C-alpha cells in the first residue's frame, strides 16, 4: 500500500530537482557508505544525532550512578533503598539484554 501523500511527495521532489536543489551536493558522484542494516539506517542515524542510546546503556549508566551514591551513603536506610533500587535495575538490564 502506498503512502497517502506519495503524489505530493513525488511532486515536491520533482520540483526540487527541476530547481536544482540536488545539484552539487557534498559527496555527489561518490558511492554511498556501506550499511550493515539498510532497513534501519535512517532510524539509527536519527537516534545517534539526537543522543539516543540503547536501553541497556542508559540503565547501565543509572546503575553506575547508584553505585557511586551507595559508596558515599552512610545512613543504613538510604543504603538499603539504594541496594534495592540497584537490584531492580540489574533485573531490568538482564531483561533488556534478551530483547
N, C-alpha and C. Protein backbone atom coordinates (compact mmCIF):
# COMPACT_ATOMS: atom_id res chain seq x y z
N UNK A 1 0.84 -1.19 0.00
CA UNK A 1 0.00 0.00 0.00
C UNK A 1 0.88 1.25 0.00
N UNK A 2 0.59 2.18 -0.87
CA UNK A 2 1.35 3.42 -0.96
C UNK A 2 0.98 4.37 0.17
N UNK A 3 1.91 5.24 0.46
CA UNK A 3 1.67 6.29 1.45
C UNK A 3 0.61 7.22 0.89
N UNK A 4 -0.31 7.71 1.73
CA UNK A 4 -1.38 8.57 1.21
C UNK A 4 -0.88 9.88 0.61
N UNK A 5 0.31 10.29 0.96
CA UNK A 5 0.84 11.55 0.43
C UNK A 5 1.89 11.33 -0.65
N UNK A 6 1.96 10.12 -1.22
CA UNK A 6 3.02 9.80 -2.18
C UNK A 6 3.01 10.73 -3.39
N UNK A 7 1.85 11.11 -3.87
CA UNK A 7 1.78 12.01 -5.03
C UNK A 7 2.35 13.39 -4.68
N UNK A 8 2.00 13.90 -3.51
CA UNK A 8 2.50 15.20 -3.07
C UNK A 8 4.02 15.14 -2.88
N UNK A 9 4.50 14.09 -2.25
CA UNK A 9 5.93 13.92 -2.02
C UNK A 9 6.67 13.86 -3.35
N UNK A 10 6.18 13.07 -4.27
CA UNK A 10 6.81 12.94 -5.59
C UNK A 10 6.84 14.28 -6.32
N UNK A 11 5.75 15.03 -6.24
CA UNK A 11 5.68 16.33 -6.90
C UNK A 11 6.70 17.30 -6.30
N UNK A 12 6.85 17.28 -4.99
CA UNK A 12 7.81 18.19 -4.33
C UNK A 12 9.25 17.81 -4.69
N UNK A 13 9.52 16.52 -4.76
CA UNK A 13 10.87 16.08 -5.15
C UNK A 13 11.16 16.48 -6.60
N UNK A 14 10.19 16.28 -7.47
CA UNK A 14 10.37 16.65 -8.89
C UNK A 14 10.60 18.15 -9.02
N UNK A 15 9.86 18.96 -8.27
CA UNK A 15 10.02 20.42 -8.33
C UNK A 15 11.41 20.81 -7.82
N UNK A 16 11.86 20.18 -6.74
CA UNK A 16 13.20 20.49 -6.19
C UNK A 16 14.28 20.10 -7.19
N UNK A 17 14.12 18.96 -7.85
CA UNK A 17 15.09 18.55 -8.88
C UNK A 17 15.13 19.57 -10.02
N UNK A 18 13.95 20.01 -10.46
CA UNK A 18 13.87 20.97 -11.55
C UNK A 18 14.53 22.30 -11.17
N UNK A 19 14.45 22.68 -9.91
CA UNK A 19 15.04 23.93 -9.43
C UNK A 19 16.54 23.78 -9.16
N UNK A 20 17.06 22.55 -9.21
CA UNK A 20 18.48 22.34 -8.98
C UNK A 20 18.86 22.19 -7.52
N UNK A 21 17.90 21.91 -6.67
CA UNK A 21 18.16 21.79 -5.24
C UNK A 21 19.11 20.64 -4.91
N UNK A 22 19.21 19.66 -5.80
CA UNK A 22 20.06 18.50 -5.54
C UNK A 22 21.38 18.56 -6.30
N UNK A 23 21.63 19.67 -6.99
CA UNK A 23 22.88 19.82 -7.74
C UNK A 23 24.02 20.18 -6.79
N UNK A 24 25.18 19.64 -7.07
CA UNK A 24 26.41 19.97 -6.34
C UNK A 24 26.32 19.72 -4.84
N UNK A 25 25.65 18.67 -4.46
CA UNK A 25 25.60 18.31 -3.03
C UNK A 25 26.93 17.69 -2.62
N UNK A 26 27.31 17.84 -1.33
CA UNK A 26 28.55 17.20 -0.88
C UNK A 26 28.47 15.69 -1.10
N UNK A 27 29.53 15.12 -1.62
CA UNK A 27 29.56 13.67 -1.85
C UNK A 27 28.94 13.24 -3.16
N UNK A 28 28.49 14.18 -3.97
CA UNK A 28 27.87 13.84 -5.25
C UNK A 28 28.85 13.05 -6.11
N UNK A 29 28.39 11.98 -6.70
CA UNK A 29 29.21 11.17 -7.58
C UNK A 29 30.00 10.09 -6.86
N UNK A 30 30.02 10.14 -5.52
CA UNK A 30 30.73 9.11 -4.76
C UNK A 30 29.75 8.05 -4.31
N UNK A 31 30.22 6.81 -4.11
CA UNK A 31 29.31 5.76 -3.66
C UNK A 31 28.85 6.01 -2.22
N UNK A 32 27.70 5.48 -1.91
CA UNK A 32 27.19 5.59 -0.55
C UNK A 32 28.06 4.74 0.37
N UNK A 33 28.19 5.15 1.64
CA UNK A 33 28.98 4.33 2.57
C UNK A 33 28.29 2.99 2.81
N UNK A 34 29.07 1.96 3.14
CA UNK A 34 28.46 0.66 3.39
C UNK A 34 27.51 0.72 4.58
N UNK A 35 26.48 -0.08 4.51
CA UNK A 35 25.46 -0.07 5.57
C UNK A 35 25.13 -1.51 5.93
N UNK A 36 25.32 -1.86 7.21
CA UNK A 36 25.04 -3.21 7.66
C UNK A 36 23.55 -3.49 7.77
N UNK A 37 22.79 -2.44 8.05
CA UNK A 37 21.36 -2.62 8.28
C UNK A 37 20.59 -1.56 7.49
N UNK A 38 20.47 -1.73 6.17
CA UNK A 38 19.86 -0.67 5.36
C UNK A 38 18.41 -0.36 5.72
N UNK A 39 17.67 -1.34 6.21
CA UNK A 39 16.27 -1.09 6.55
C UNK A 39 16.13 -0.09 7.69
N UNK A 40 17.10 -0.08 8.61
CA UNK A 40 17.01 0.79 9.78
C UNK A 40 18.07 1.87 9.81
N UNK A 41 18.76 2.09 8.70
CA UNK A 41 19.86 3.05 8.66
C UNK A 41 19.40 4.46 9.03
N UNK A 42 18.30 4.90 8.50
CA UNK A 42 17.81 6.25 8.79
C UNK A 42 17.43 6.36 10.26
N UNK A 43 16.76 5.36 10.78
CA UNK A 43 16.37 5.36 12.19
C UNK A 43 17.60 5.46 13.08
N UNK A 44 18.63 4.65 12.79
CA UNK A 44 19.85 4.68 13.60
C UNK A 44 20.55 6.03 13.51
N UNK A 45 20.57 6.61 12.32
CA UNK A 45 21.21 7.93 12.16
C UNK A 45 20.48 8.99 12.97
N UNK A 46 19.15 9.00 12.89
CA UNK A 46 18.36 9.98 13.64
C UNK A 46 18.57 9.80 15.14
N UNK A 47 18.57 8.56 15.59
CA UNK A 47 18.78 8.30 17.01
C UNK A 47 20.16 8.77 17.46
N UNK A 48 21.19 8.49 16.66
CA UNK A 48 22.55 8.89 17.01
C UNK A 48 22.68 10.41 17.04
N UNK A 49 22.07 11.08 16.09
CA UNK A 49 22.15 12.55 16.03
C UNK A 49 21.45 13.20 17.21
N UNK A 50 20.49 12.50 17.82
CA UNK A 50 19.74 13.07 18.93
C UNK A 50 20.17 12.51 20.28
N UNK A 51 21.28 11.79 20.30
CA UNK A 51 21.84 11.31 21.56
C UNK A 51 21.12 10.12 22.16
N UNK A 52 20.31 9.45 21.38
CA UNK A 52 19.60 8.28 21.90
C UNK A 52 20.58 7.12 22.05
N UNK A 53 20.38 6.35 23.10
CA UNK A 53 21.22 5.18 23.34
C UNK A 53 20.32 3.98 23.60
N UNK A 54 20.83 2.80 23.40
CA UNK A 54 20.04 1.60 23.71
C UNK A 54 19.65 1.59 25.20
N UNK A 55 18.55 0.94 25.48
CA UNK A 55 18.04 0.88 26.85
C UNK A 55 19.08 0.31 27.81
N UNK A 56 19.81 -0.71 27.37
CA UNK A 56 20.82 -1.34 28.24
C UNK A 56 21.88 -0.31 28.65
N UNK A 57 22.25 0.55 27.73
CA UNK A 57 23.27 1.56 28.03
C UNK A 57 22.75 2.56 29.06
N UNK A 58 21.55 3.07 28.85
CA UNK A 58 21.00 4.06 29.79
C UNK A 58 20.79 3.43 31.17
N UNK A 59 20.33 2.19 31.22
CA UNK A 59 20.14 1.51 32.51
C UNK A 59 21.49 1.27 33.20
N UNK A 60 22.50 0.92 32.43
CA UNK A 60 23.83 0.68 33.00
C UNK A 60 24.42 1.98 33.56
N UNK A 61 24.18 3.07 32.88
CA UNK A 61 24.65 4.38 33.39
C UNK A 61 23.97 4.72 34.71
N UNK A 62 22.67 4.45 34.77
CA UNK A 62 21.93 4.70 36.00
C UNK A 62 22.45 3.81 37.12
N UNK A 63 22.76 2.56 36.82
CA UNK A 63 23.30 1.64 37.82
C UNK A 63 24.64 2.14 38.34
N UNK A 64 25.50 2.63 37.47
CA UNK A 64 26.78 3.19 37.90
C UNK A 64 26.58 4.40 38.80
N UNK A 65 25.60 5.22 38.47
CA UNK A 65 25.30 6.39 39.30
C UNK A 65 24.87 5.96 40.70
N UNK A 66 24.03 4.93 40.78
CA UNK A 66 23.58 4.42 42.07
C UNK A 66 24.73 3.80 42.86
N UNK A 67 25.64 3.12 42.18
CA UNK A 67 26.80 2.54 42.87
C UNK A 67 27.66 3.63 43.50
N UNK A 68 27.85 4.72 42.76
CA UNK A 68 28.62 5.84 43.30
C UNK A 68 27.90 6.45 44.50
N UNK A 69 26.60 6.56 44.41
CA UNK A 69 25.80 7.11 45.51
C UNK A 69 25.88 6.19 46.72
N UNK A 70 25.89 4.88 46.49
CA UNK A 70 25.98 3.91 47.58
C UNK A 70 27.33 4.03 48.30
N UNK A 71 28.39 4.25 47.54
CA UNK A 71 29.72 4.40 48.15
C UNK A 71 29.76 5.58 49.12
N UNK A 72 29.00 6.62 48.81
CA UNK A 72 29.00 7.82 49.65
C UNK A 72 27.94 7.80 50.75
N UNK A 73 27.00 6.87 50.68
CA UNK A 73 25.90 6.84 51.65
C UNK A 73 26.37 6.19 52.95
N UNK A 74 25.99 6.81 54.06
CA UNK A 74 26.34 6.25 55.36
C UNK A 74 25.11 5.81 56.15
N UNK A 75 23.96 6.39 55.83
CA UNK A 75 22.72 6.04 56.51
C UNK A 75 22.26 4.64 56.08
N UNK A 76 21.98 3.80 57.05
CA UNK A 76 21.61 2.40 56.78
C UNK A 76 20.33 2.30 55.94
N UNK A 77 19.34 3.11 56.24
CA UNK A 77 18.08 3.09 55.50
C UNK A 77 18.30 3.51 54.04
N UNK A 78 19.12 4.53 53.86
CA UNK A 78 19.43 5.00 52.49
C UNK A 78 20.19 3.93 51.72
N UNK A 79 21.14 3.28 52.36
CA UNK A 79 21.90 2.22 51.71
C UNK A 79 20.97 1.08 51.28
N UNK A 80 20.04 0.72 52.16
CA UNK A 80 19.09 -0.36 51.84
C UNK A 80 18.24 0.02 50.63
N UNK A 81 17.78 1.27 50.59
CA UNK A 81 16.98 1.75 49.46
C UNK A 81 17.79 1.69 48.17
N UNK A 82 19.04 2.13 48.23
CA UNK A 82 19.89 2.11 47.05
C UNK A 82 20.15 0.68 46.57
N UNK A 83 20.40 -0.22 47.48
CA UNK A 83 20.66 -1.62 47.10
C UNK A 83 19.42 -2.23 46.46
N UNK A 84 18.25 -1.93 46.99
CA UNK A 84 17.01 -2.43 46.40
C UNK A 84 16.83 -1.88 44.99
N UNK A 85 17.07 -0.58 44.84
CA UNK A 85 16.93 0.05 43.52
C UNK A 85 17.93 -0.53 42.53
N UNK A 86 19.16 -0.80 43.01
CA UNK A 86 20.18 -1.39 42.15
C UNK A 86 19.78 -2.79 41.71
N UNK A 87 19.20 -3.56 42.61
CA UNK A 87 18.76 -4.92 42.26
C UNK A 87 17.69 -4.89 41.17
N UNK A 88 16.77 -3.96 41.31
CA UNK A 88 15.72 -3.82 40.29
C UNK A 88 16.31 -3.40 38.94
N UNK A 89 17.28 -2.50 38.98
CA UNK A 89 17.93 -2.07 37.74
C UNK A 89 18.69 -3.22 37.10
N UNK A 90 19.37 -4.02 37.88
CA UNK A 90 20.10 -5.17 37.34
C UNK A 90 19.14 -6.14 36.65
N UNK A 91 17.96 -6.34 37.25
CA UNK A 91 16.96 -7.21 36.62
C UNK A 91 16.48 -6.61 35.31
N UNK A 92 16.25 -5.30 35.29
CA UNK A 92 15.81 -4.63 34.06
C UNK A 92 16.88 -4.73 32.97
N UNK A 93 18.16 -4.64 33.36
CA UNK A 93 19.25 -4.76 32.39
C UNK A 93 19.25 -6.15 31.78
N UNK A 94 19.08 -7.17 32.59
CA UNK A 94 19.06 -8.54 32.07
C UNK A 94 17.89 -8.75 31.11
N UNK A 95 16.74 -8.19 31.43
CA UNK A 95 15.58 -8.31 30.54
C UNK A 95 15.85 -7.57 29.23
N UNK A 96 16.44 -6.37 29.32
CA UNK A 96 16.73 -5.58 28.12
C UNK A 96 17.75 -6.28 27.22
N UNK A 97 18.70 -6.99 27.81
CA UNK A 97 19.71 -7.71 27.03
C UNK A 97 19.10 -8.84 26.22
N UNK A 98 18.01 -9.41 26.69
CA UNK A 98 17.38 -10.55 25.99
C UNK A 98 16.52 -10.10 24.83
N UNK A 99 16.22 -8.83 24.73
CA UNK A 99 15.36 -8.34 23.64
C UNK A 99 16.10 -8.27 22.35
